[in-house]
Amino acid sequence: MPTVTMTLEEYEALRSLISSERESEGASLADRKMDEKPKPRKRSKYNRELSRQLKMLKVKHPRTKITALMKRAHRATRKALKR
């Protein structure tokens, strides 16, 4: 690999060029509106029905593990959407 030697002035000029480039990139980011949050995605029909089924099961079986309730809710959701 060839070796490259620079004078101190060349090195300083290169460093200032890199730092000024970074500053200009940062300035363009600062110009954007940061207050606006992205619009949340619409919940799917399946997801809405699953949450409905899960809430009903949670009321009926409050002490059952959530994994078992999720399986039941998934089955009930598929059944409800099939109709």
PDB file of N, CA and C in Angstrom:
ATOM      1  N   MET A   1       0.851  -1.180   0.000  1.00  0.00           N
ATOM      2  CA  MET A   1       0.000   0.000   0.000  1.00  0.00           C
ATOM      3  C   MET A   1       0.891   1.235   0.000  1.00  0.00           C
ATOM      4  N   PRO A   2       0.602   2.180  -0.888  1.00  0.00           N
ATOM      5  CA  PRO A   2       1.457   3.367  -0.956  1.00  0.00           C
ATOM      6  C   PRO A   2       1.233   4.276   0.249  1.00  0.00           C
ATOM      7  N   THR A   3       2.264   4.934   0.669  1.00  0.00           N
ATOM      8  CA  THR A   3       2.156   5.872   1.790  1.00  0.00           C
ATOM      9  C   THR A   3       1.920   7.277   1.245  1.00  0.00           C
ATOM     10  N   VAL A   4       1.078   8.007   1.934  1.00  0.00           N
ATOM     11  CA  VAL A   4       0.750   9.371   1.529  1.00  0.00           C
ATOM     12  C   VAL A   4       1.195  10.290   2.646  1.00  0.00           C
ATOM     13  N   THR A   5       1.962  11.301   2.302  1.00  0.00           N
ATOM     14  CA  THR A   5       2.385  12.272   3.302  1.00  0.00           C
ATOM     15  C   THR A   5       1.761  13.617   2.960  1.00  0.00           C
ATOM     16  N   MET A   6       1.348  14.310   4.002  1.00  0.00           N
ATOM     17  CA  MET A   6       0.726  15.626   3.830  1.00  0.00           C
ATOM     18  C   MET A   6       1.458  16.627   4.688  1.00  0.00           C
ATOM     19  N   THR A   7       1.394  17.852   4.240  1.00  0.00           N
ATOM     20  CA  THR A   7       1.921  18.910   5.086  1.00  0.00           C
ATOM     21  C   THR A   7       0.858  19.251   6.122  1.00  0.00           C
ATOM     22  N   LEU A   8       1.250  19.949   7.120  1.00  0.00           N
ATOM     23  CA  LEU A   8       0.329  20.338   8.177  1.00  0.00           C
ATOM     24  C   LEU A   8      -0.802  21.210   7.637  1.00  0.00           C
ATOM     25  N   GLU A   9      -0.491  22.090   6.702  1.00  0.00           N
ATOM     26  CA  GLU A   9      -1.502  22.966   6.119  1.00  0.00           C
ATOM     27  C   GLU A   9      -2.529  22.158   5.311  1.00  0.00           C
ATOM     28  N   GLU A  10      -2.053  21.166   4.555  1.00  0.00           N
ATOM     29  CA  GLU A  10      -2.961  20.324   3.778  1.00  0.00           C
ATOM     30  C   GLU A  10      -3.894  19.535   4.695  1.00  0.00           C
ATOM     31  N   TYR A  11      -3.312  19.015   5.768  1.00  0.00           N
ATOM     32  CA  TYR A  11      -4.109  18.246   6.728  1.00  0.00           C
ATOM     33  C   TYR A  11      -5.193  19.121   7.360  1.00  0.00           C
ATOM     34  N   GLU A  12      -4.837  20.328   7.791  1.00  0.00           N
ATOM     35  CA  GLU A  12      -5.799  21.241   8.403  1.00  0.00           C
ATOM     36  C   GLU A  12      -6.894  21.633   7.406  1.00  0.00           C
ATOM     37  N   ALA A  13      -6.533  21.847   6.154  1.00  0.00           N
ATOM     38  CA  ALA A  13      -7.509  22.202   5.126  1.00  0.00           C
ATOM     39  C   ALA A  13      -8.494  21.052   4.908  1.00  0.00           C
ATOM     40  N   LEU A  14      -7.979  19.827   4.892  1.00  0.00           N
ATOM     41  CA  LEU A  14      -8.838  18.654   4.729  1.00  0.00           C
ATOM     42  C   LEU A  14      -9.790  18.500   5.906  1.00  0.00           C
ATOM     43  N   ARG A  15      -9.290  18.700   7.119  1.00  0.00           N
ATOM     44  CA  ARG A  15     -10.137  18.597   8.315  1.00  0.00           C
ATOM     45  C   ARG A  15     -11.229  19.666   8.309  1.00  0.00           C
ATOM     46  N   SER A  16     -10.890  20.887   7.918  1.00  0.00           N
ATOM     47  CA  SER A  16     -11.889  21.959   7.895  1.00  0.00           C
ATOM     48  C   SER A  16     -12.940  21.687   6.821  1.00  0.00           C
ATOM     49  N   LEU A  17     -12.533  21.105   5.700  1.00  0.00           N
ATOM     50  CA  LEU A  17     -13.482  20.754   4.646  1.00  0.00           C
ATOM     51  C   LEU A  17     -14.477  19.715   5.135  1.00  0.00           C
ATOM     52  N   ILE A  18     -13.980  18.697   5.830  1.00  0.00           N
ATOM     53  CA  ILE A  18     -14.850  17.642   6.354  1.00  0.00           C
ATOM     54  C   ILE A  18     -15.809  18.207   7.399  1.00  0.00           C
ATOM     55  N   SER A  19     -15.313  19.031   8.303  1.00  0.00           N
ATOM     56  CA  SER A  19     -16.180  19.575   9.354  1.00  0.00           C
ATOM     57  C   SER A  19     -17.230  20.518   8.777  1.00  0.00           C
ATOM     58  N   SER A  20     -16.880  21.299   7.768  1.00  0.00           N
ATOM     59  CA  SER A  20     -17.871  22.208   7.181  1.00  0.00           C
ATOM     60  C   SER A  20     -18.949  21.415   6.441  1.00  0.00           C
ATOM     61  N   GLU A  21     -18.574  20.288   5.852  1.00  0.00           N
ATOM     62  CA  GLU A  21     -19.555  19.438   5.178  1.00  0.00           C
ATOM     63  C   GLU A  21     -20.540  18.866   6.189  1.00  0.00           C
ATOM     64  N   ARG A  22     -20.042  18.438   7.324  1.00  0.00           N
ATOM     65  CA  ARG A  22     -20.905  17.884   8.372  1.00  0.00           C
ATOM     66  C   ARG A  22     -21.858  18.943   8.908  1.00  0.00           C
ATOM     67  N   GLU A  23     -21.354  20.171   9.052  1.00  0.00           N
ATOM     68  CA  GLU A  23     -22.204  21.253   9.546  1.00  0.00           C
ATOM     69  C   GLU A  23     -23.341  21.530   8.572  1.00  0.00           C
ATOM     70  N   SER A  24     -23.050  21.492   7.287  1.00  0.00           N
ATOM     71  CA  SER A  24     -24.099  21.784   6.306  1.00  0.00           C
ATOM     72  C   SER A  24     -25.135  20.659   6.296  1.00  0.00           C
ATOM     73  N   GLU A  25     -24.710  19.410   6.509  1.00  0.00           N
ATOM     74  CA  GLU A  25     -25.660  18.305   6.606  1.00  0.00           C
ATOM     75  C   GLU A  25     -26.556  18.480   7.821  1.00  0.00           C
ATOM     76  N   GLY A  26     -25.976  18.887   8.937  1.00  0.00           N
ATOM     77  CA  GLY A  26     -26.742  19.105  10.155  1.00  0.00           C
ATOM     78  C   GLY A  26     -27.731  20.240  10.003  1.00  0.00           C
ATOM     79  N   ALA A  27     -27.336  21.260   9.267  1.00  0.00           N
ATOM     80  CA  ALA A  27     -28.219  22.403   9.060  1.00  0.00           C
ATOM     81  C   ALA A  27     -29.441  21.981   8.256  1.00  0.00           C
ATOM     82  N   SER A  28     -29.240  21.115   7.281  1.00  0.00           N
ATOM     83  CA  SER A  28     -30.393  20.695   6.480  1.00  0.00           C
ATOM     84  C   SER A  28     -31.346  19.840   7.318  1.00  0.00           C
ATOM     85  N   LEU A  29     -30.806  19.093   8.258  1.00  0.00           N
ATOM     86  CA  LEU A  29     -31.663  18.301   9.142  1.00  0.00           C
ATOM     87  C   LEU A  29     -32.438  19.195  10.103  1.00  0.00           C
ATOM     88  N   ALA A  30     -31.802  20.265  10.537  1.00  0.00           N
ATOM     89  CA  ALA A  30     -32.457  21.163  11.488  1.00  0.00           C
ATOM     90  C   ALA A  30     -33.595  21.940  10.838  1.00  0.00           C
ATOM     91  N   ASP A  31     -33.516  22.141   9.527  1.00  0.00           N
ATOM     92  CA  ASP A  31     -34.570  22.865   8.822  1.00  0.00           C
ATOM     93  C   ASP A  31     -35.884  22.094   8.777  1.00  0.00           C
ATOM     94  N   ARG A  32     -35.808  20.773   8.852  1.00  0.00           N
ATOM     95  CA  ARG A  32     -37.027  19.966   8.786  1.00  0.00           C
ATOM     96  C   ARG A  32     -37.861  20.150  10.046  1.00  0.00           C
ATOM     97  N   LYS A  33     -39.134  19.935   9.908  1.00  0.00           N
ATOM     98  CA  LYS A  33     -40.025  20.070  11.059  1.00  0.00           C
ATOM     99  C   LYS A  33     -39.914  18.822  11.924  1.00  0.00           C
ATOM    100  N   MET A  34     -39.496  19.001  13.156  1.00  0.00           N
ATOM    101  CA  MET A  34     -39.333  17.869  14.051  1.00  0.00           C
ATOM    102  C   MET A  34     -40.574  17.644  14.911  1.00  0.00           C
ATOM    103  N   ASP A  35     -41.484  18.608  14.926  1.00  0.00           N
ATOM    104  CA  ASP A  35     -42.661  18.499  15.775  1.00  0.00           C
ATOM    105  C   ASP A  35     -43.692  17.526  15.203  1.00  0.00           C
ATOM    106  N   GLU A  36     -43.735  17.386  13.905  1.00  0.00           N
ATOM    107  CA  GLU A  36     -44.737  16.535  13.274  1.00  0.00           C
ATOM    108  C   GLU A  36     -44.371  15.067  13.447  1.00  0.00           C
ATOM    109  N   LYS A  37     -45.291  14.305  14.022  1.00  0.00           N
ATOM    110  CA  LYS A  37     -45.078  12.878  14.182  1.00  0.00           C
ATOM    111  C   LYS A  37     -45.712  12.166  12.990  1.00  0.00           C
ATOM    112  N   PRO A  38     -45.156  11.037  12.593  1.00  0.00           N
ATOM    113  CA  PRO A  38     -45.756  10.325  11.468  1.00  0.00           C
ATOM    114  C   PRO A  38     -47.135   9.781  11.833  1.00  0.00           C
ATOM    115  N   LYS A  39     -48.004   9.746  10.839  1.00  0.00           N
ATOM    116  CA  LYS A  39     -49.360   9.279  11.052  1.00  0.00           C
ATOM    117  C   LYS A  39     -49.335   7.789  11.395  1.00  0.00           C
ATOM    118  N   PRO A  40     -50.016   7.371  12.471  1.00  0.00           N
ATOM    119  CA  PRO A  40     -50.008   5.953  12.821  1.00  0.00           C
ATOM    120  C   PRO A  40     -50.730   5.120  11.765  1.00  0.00           C
ATOM    121  N   ARG A  41     -50.294   3.887  11.619  1.00  0.00           N
ATOM    122  CA  ARG A  41     -50.904   3.015  10.618  1.00  0.00           C
ATOM    123  C   ARG A  41     -52.280   2.574  11.079  1.00  0.00           C
ATOM    124  N   LYS A  42     -53.155   2.334  10.107  1.00  0.00           N
ATOM    125  CA  LYS A  42     -54.515   1.910  10.399  1.00  0.00           C
ATOM    126  C   LYS A  42     -54.488   0.476  10.924  1.00  0.00           C
ATOM    127  N   ARG A  43     -55.252   0.223  11.971  1.00  0.00           N
ATOM    128  CA  ARG A  43     -55.333  -1.124  12.524  1.00  0.00           C
ATOM    129  C   ARG A  43     -56.131  -2.012  11.583  1.00  0.00           C
ATOM    130  N   SER A  44     -55.659  -3.217  11.392  1.00  0.00           N
ATOM    131  CA  SER A  44     -56.342  -4.123  10.475  1.00  0.00           C
ATOM    132  C   SER A  44     -57.618  -4.656  11.111  1.00  0.00           C
ATOM    133  N   LYS A  45     -58.468  -5.191  10.266  1.00  0.00           N
ATOM    134  CA  LYS A  45     -59.730  -5.773  10.738  1.00  0.00           C
ATOM    135  C   LYS A  45     -59.436  -6.926  11.700  1.00  0.00           C
ATOM    136  N   TYR A  46     -58.445  -7.736  11.364  1.00  0.00           N
ATOM    137  CA  TYR A  46     -58.053  -8.864  12.218  1.00  0.00           C
ATOM    138  C   TYR A  46     -57.605  -8.373  13.591  1.00  0.00           C
ATOM    139  N   ASN A  47     -56.771  -7.342  13.611  1.00  0.00           N
ATOM    140  CA  ASN A  47     -56.239  -6.823  14.874  1.00  0.00           C
ATOM    141  C   ASN A  47     -57.344  -6.283  15.763  1.00  0.00           C
ATOM    142  N   ARG A  48     -58.312  -5.579  15.165  1.00  0.00           N
ATOM    143  CA  ARG A  48     -59.422  -5.049  15.967  1.00  0.00           C
ATOM    144  C   ARG A  48     -60.250  -6.175  16.558  1.00  0.00           C
ATOM    145  N   GLU A  49     -60.529  -7.206  15.760  1.00  0.00           N
ATOM    146  CA  GLU A  49     -61.320  -8.337  16.245  1.00  0.00           C
ATOM    147  C   GLU A  49     -60.552  -9.116  17.310  1.00  0.00           C
ATOM    148  N   LEU A  50     -59.258  -9.288  17.118  1.00  0.00           N
ATOM    149  CA  LEU A  50     -58.434  -9.997  18.103  1.00  0.00           C
ATOM    150  C   LEU A  50     -58.474  -9.290  19.451  1.00  0.00           C
ATOM    151  N   SER A  51     -58.355  -7.975  19.455  1.00  0.00           N
ATOM    152  CA  SER A  51     -58.381  -7.243  20.728  1.00  0.00           C
ATOM    153  C   SER A  51     -59.747  -7.363  21.392  1.00  0.00           C
ATOM    154  N   ARG A  52     -60.816  -7.353  20.584  1.00  0.00           N
ATOM    155  CA  ARG A  52     -62.159  -7.553  21.129  1.00  0.00           C
ATOM    156  C   ARG A  52     -62.280  -8.911  21.808  1.00  0.00           C
ATOM    157  N   GLN A  53     -61.837  -9.950  21.112  1.00  0.00           N
ATOM    158  CA  GLN A  53     -61.916 -11.313  21.645  1.00  0.00           C
ATOM    159  C   GLN A  53     -61.054 -11.456  22.896  1.00  0.00           C
ATOM    160  N   LEU A  54     -59.878 -10.869  22.877  1.00  0.00           N
ATOM    161  CA  LEU A  54     -58.961 -10.962  24.018  1.00  0.00           C
ATOM    162  C   LEU A  54     -59.545 -10.280  25.249  1.00  0.00           C
ATOM    163  N   LYS A  55     -60.186  -9.138  25.056  1.00  0.00           N
ATOM    164  CA  LYS A  55     -60.819  -8.442  26.187  1.00  0.00           C
ATOM    165  C   LYS A  55     -61.942  -9.283  26.793  1.00  0.00           C
ATOM    166  N   MET A  56     -62.745  -9.901  25.929  1.00  0.00           N
ATOM    167  CA  MET A  56     -63.842 -10.738  26.441  1.00  0.00           C
ATOM    168  C   MET A  56     -63.299 -11.925  27.219  1.00  0.00           C
ATOM    169  N   LEU A  57     -62.251 -12.550  26.692  1.00  0.00           N
ATOM    170  CA  LEU A  57     -61.663 -13.694  27.380  1.00  0.00           C
ATOM    171  C   LEU A  57     -61.014 -13.287  28.696  1.00  0.00           C
ATOM    172  N   LYS A  58     -60.403 -12.117  28.727  1.00  0.00           N
ATOM    173  CA  LYS A  58     -59.743 -11.630  29.944  1.00  0.00           C
ATOM    174  C   LYS A  58     -60.766 -11.393  31.056  1.00  0.00           C
ATOM    175  N   VAL A  59     -61.978 -10.954  30.670  1.00  0.00           N
ATOM    176  CA  VAL A  59     -63.043 -10.746  31.670  1.00  0.00           C
ATOM    177  C   VAL A  59     -63.517 -12.094  32.207  1.00  0.00           C
ATOM    178  N   LYS A  60     -63.666 -13.069  31.311  1.00  0.00           N
ATOM    179  CA  LYS A  60     -64.144 -14.390  31.727  1.00  0.00           C
ATOM    180  C   LYS A  60     -63.099 -15.171  32.513  1.00  0.00           C
ATOM    181  N   HIS A  61     -61.827 -15.043  32.124  1.00  0.00           N
ATOM    182  CA  HIS A  61     -60.749 -15.824  32.742  1.00  0.00           C
ATOM    183  C   HIS A  61     -59.596 -14.908  33.153  1.00  0.00           C
ATOM    184  N   PRO A  62     -59.769 -14.134  34.208  1.00  0.00           N
ATOM    185  CA  PRO A  62     -58.749 -13.140  34.559  1.00  0.00           C
ATOM    186  C   PRO A  62     -57.428 -13.730  35.061  1.00  0.00           C
ATOM    187  N   ARG A  63     -57.447 -14.947  35.567  1.00  0.00           N
ATOM    188  CA  ARG A  63     -56.221 -15.505  36.143  1.00  0.00           C
ATOM    189  C   ARG A  63     -55.473 -16.435  35.195  1.00  0.00           C
ATOM    190  N   THR A  64     -56.004 -16.638  34.006  1.00  0.00           N
ATOM    191  CA  THR A  64     -55.358 -17.507  33.021  1.00  0.00           C
ATOM    192  C   THR A  64     -54.162 -16.788  32.405  1.00  0.00           C
ATOM    193  N   LYS A  65     -53.127 -17.574  32.078  1.00  0.00           N
ATOM    194  CA  LYS A  65     -51.932 -16.988  31.458  1.00  0.00           C
ATOM    195  C   LYS A  65     -52.300 -16.352  30.120  1.00  0.00           C
ATOM    196  N   ILE A  66     -51.585 -15.284  29.797  1.00  0.00           N
ATOM    197  CA  ILE A  66     -51.893 -14.536  28.579  1.00  0.00           C
ATOM    198  C   ILE A  66     -51.615 -15.365  27.332  1.00  0.00           C
ATOM    199  N   THR A  67     -50.632 -16.272  27.395  1.00  0.00           N
ATOM    200  CA  THR A  67     -50.327 -17.084  26.215  1.00  0.00           C
ATOM    201  C   THR A  67     -51.501 -17.990  25.855  1.00  0.00           C
ATOM    202  N   ALA A  68     -52.130 -18.571  26.873  1.00  0.00           N
ATOM    203  CA  ALA A  68     -53.284 -19.434  26.620  1.00  0.00           C
ATOM    204  C   ALA A  68     -54.461 -18.613  26.094  1.00  0.00           C
ATOM    205  N   LEU A  69     -54.635 -17.418  26.652  1.00  0.00           N
ATOM    206  CA  LEU A  69     -55.723 -16.547  26.194  1.00  0.00           C
ATOM    207  C   LEU A  69     -55.498 -16.087  24.752  1.00  0.00           C
ATOM    208  N   MET A  70     -54.242 -15.846  24.401  1.00  0.00           N
ATOM    209  CA  MET A  70     -53.942 -15.414  23.039  1.00  0.00           C
ATOM    210  C   MET A  70     -54.292 -16.514  22.039  1.00  0.00           C
ATOM    211  N   LYS A  71     -53.982 -17.756  22.397  1.00  0.00           N
ATOM    212  CA  LYS A  71     -54.326 -18.869  21.506  1.00  0.00           C
ATOM    213  C   LYS A  71     -55.828 -18.950  21.312  1.00  0.00           C
ATOM    214  N   ARG A  72     -56.567 -18.837  22.412  1.00  0.00           N
ATOM    215  CA  ARG A  72     -58.040 -18.888  22.332  1.00  0.00           C
ATOM    216  C   ARG A  72     -58.580 -17.718  21.522  1.00  0.00           C
ATOM    217  N   ALA A  73     -58.006 -16.538  21.754  1.00  0.00           N
ATOM    218  CA  ALA A  73     -58.464 -15.342  21.047  1.00  0.00           C
ATOM    219  C   ALA A  73     -58.192 -15.463  19.551  1.00  0.00           C
ATOM    220  N   HIS A  74     -57.064 -16.034  19.200  1.00  0.00           N
ATOM    221  CA  HIS A  74     -56.727 -16.214  17.782  1.00  0.00           C
ATOM    222  C   HIS A  74     -57.732 -17.156  17.119  1.00  0.00           C
ATOM    223  N   ARG A  75     -58.046 -18.254  17.787  1.00  0.00           N
ATOM    224  CA  ARG A  75     -59.030 -19.191  17.236  1.00  0.00           C
ATOM    225  C   ARG A  75     -60.384 -18.524  17.086  1.00  0.00           C
ATOM    226  N   ALA A  76     -60.806 -17.794  18.118  1.00  0.00           N
ATOM    227  CA  ALA A  76     -62.106 -17.120  18.084  1.00  0.00           C
ATOM    228  C   ALA A  76     -62.147 -16.042  16.991  1.00  0.00           C
ATOM    229  N   THR A  77     -61.048 -15.365  16.794  1.00  0.00           N
ATOM    230  CA  THR A  77     -60.972 -14.323  15.772  1.00  0.00           C
ATOM    231  C   THR A  77     -61.115 -14.922  14.375  1.00  0.00           C
ATOM    232  N   ARG A  78     -60.385 -15.992  14.129  1.00  0.00           N
ATOM    233  CA  ARG A  78     -60.491 -16.637  12.809  1.00  0.00           C
ATOM    234  C   ARG A  78     -61.919 -17.105  12.569  1.00  0.00           C
ATOM    235  N   LYS A  79     -62.530 -17.639  13.620  1.00  0.00           N
ATOM    236  CA  LYS A  79     -63.907 -18.134  13.503  1.00  0.00           C
ATOM    237  C   LYS A  79     -64.866 -16.972  13.217  1.00  0.00           C
ATOM    238  N   ALA A  80     -64.690 -15.855  13.922  1.00  0.00           N
ATOM    239  CA  ALA A  80     -65.572 -14.702  13.759  1.00  0.00           C
ATOM    240  C   ALA A  80     -65.422 -14.075  12.370  1.00  0.00           C
ATOM    241  N   LEU A  81     -64.198 -14.023  11.863  1.00  0.00           N
ATOM    242  CA  LEU A  81     -63.969 -13.392  10.556  1.00  0.00           C
ATOM    243  C   LEU A  81     -64.358 -14.314   9.407  1.00  0.00           C
ATOM    244  N   LYS A  82     -64.451 -15.593   9.663  1.00  0.00           N
ATOM    245  CA  LYS A  82     -64.826 -16.560   8.635  1.00  0.00           C
ATOM    246  C   LYS A  82     -66.286 -16.391   8.233  1.00  0.00           C
ATOM    247  N   ARG A  83     -67.099 -15.962   9.180  1.00  0.00           N
ATOM    248  CA  ARG A  83     -68.544 -15.822   8.929  1.00  0.00           C
ATOM    249  C   ARG A  83     -68.849 -14.720   7.969  1.00  0.00           C
TER     250      ARG A  83
END
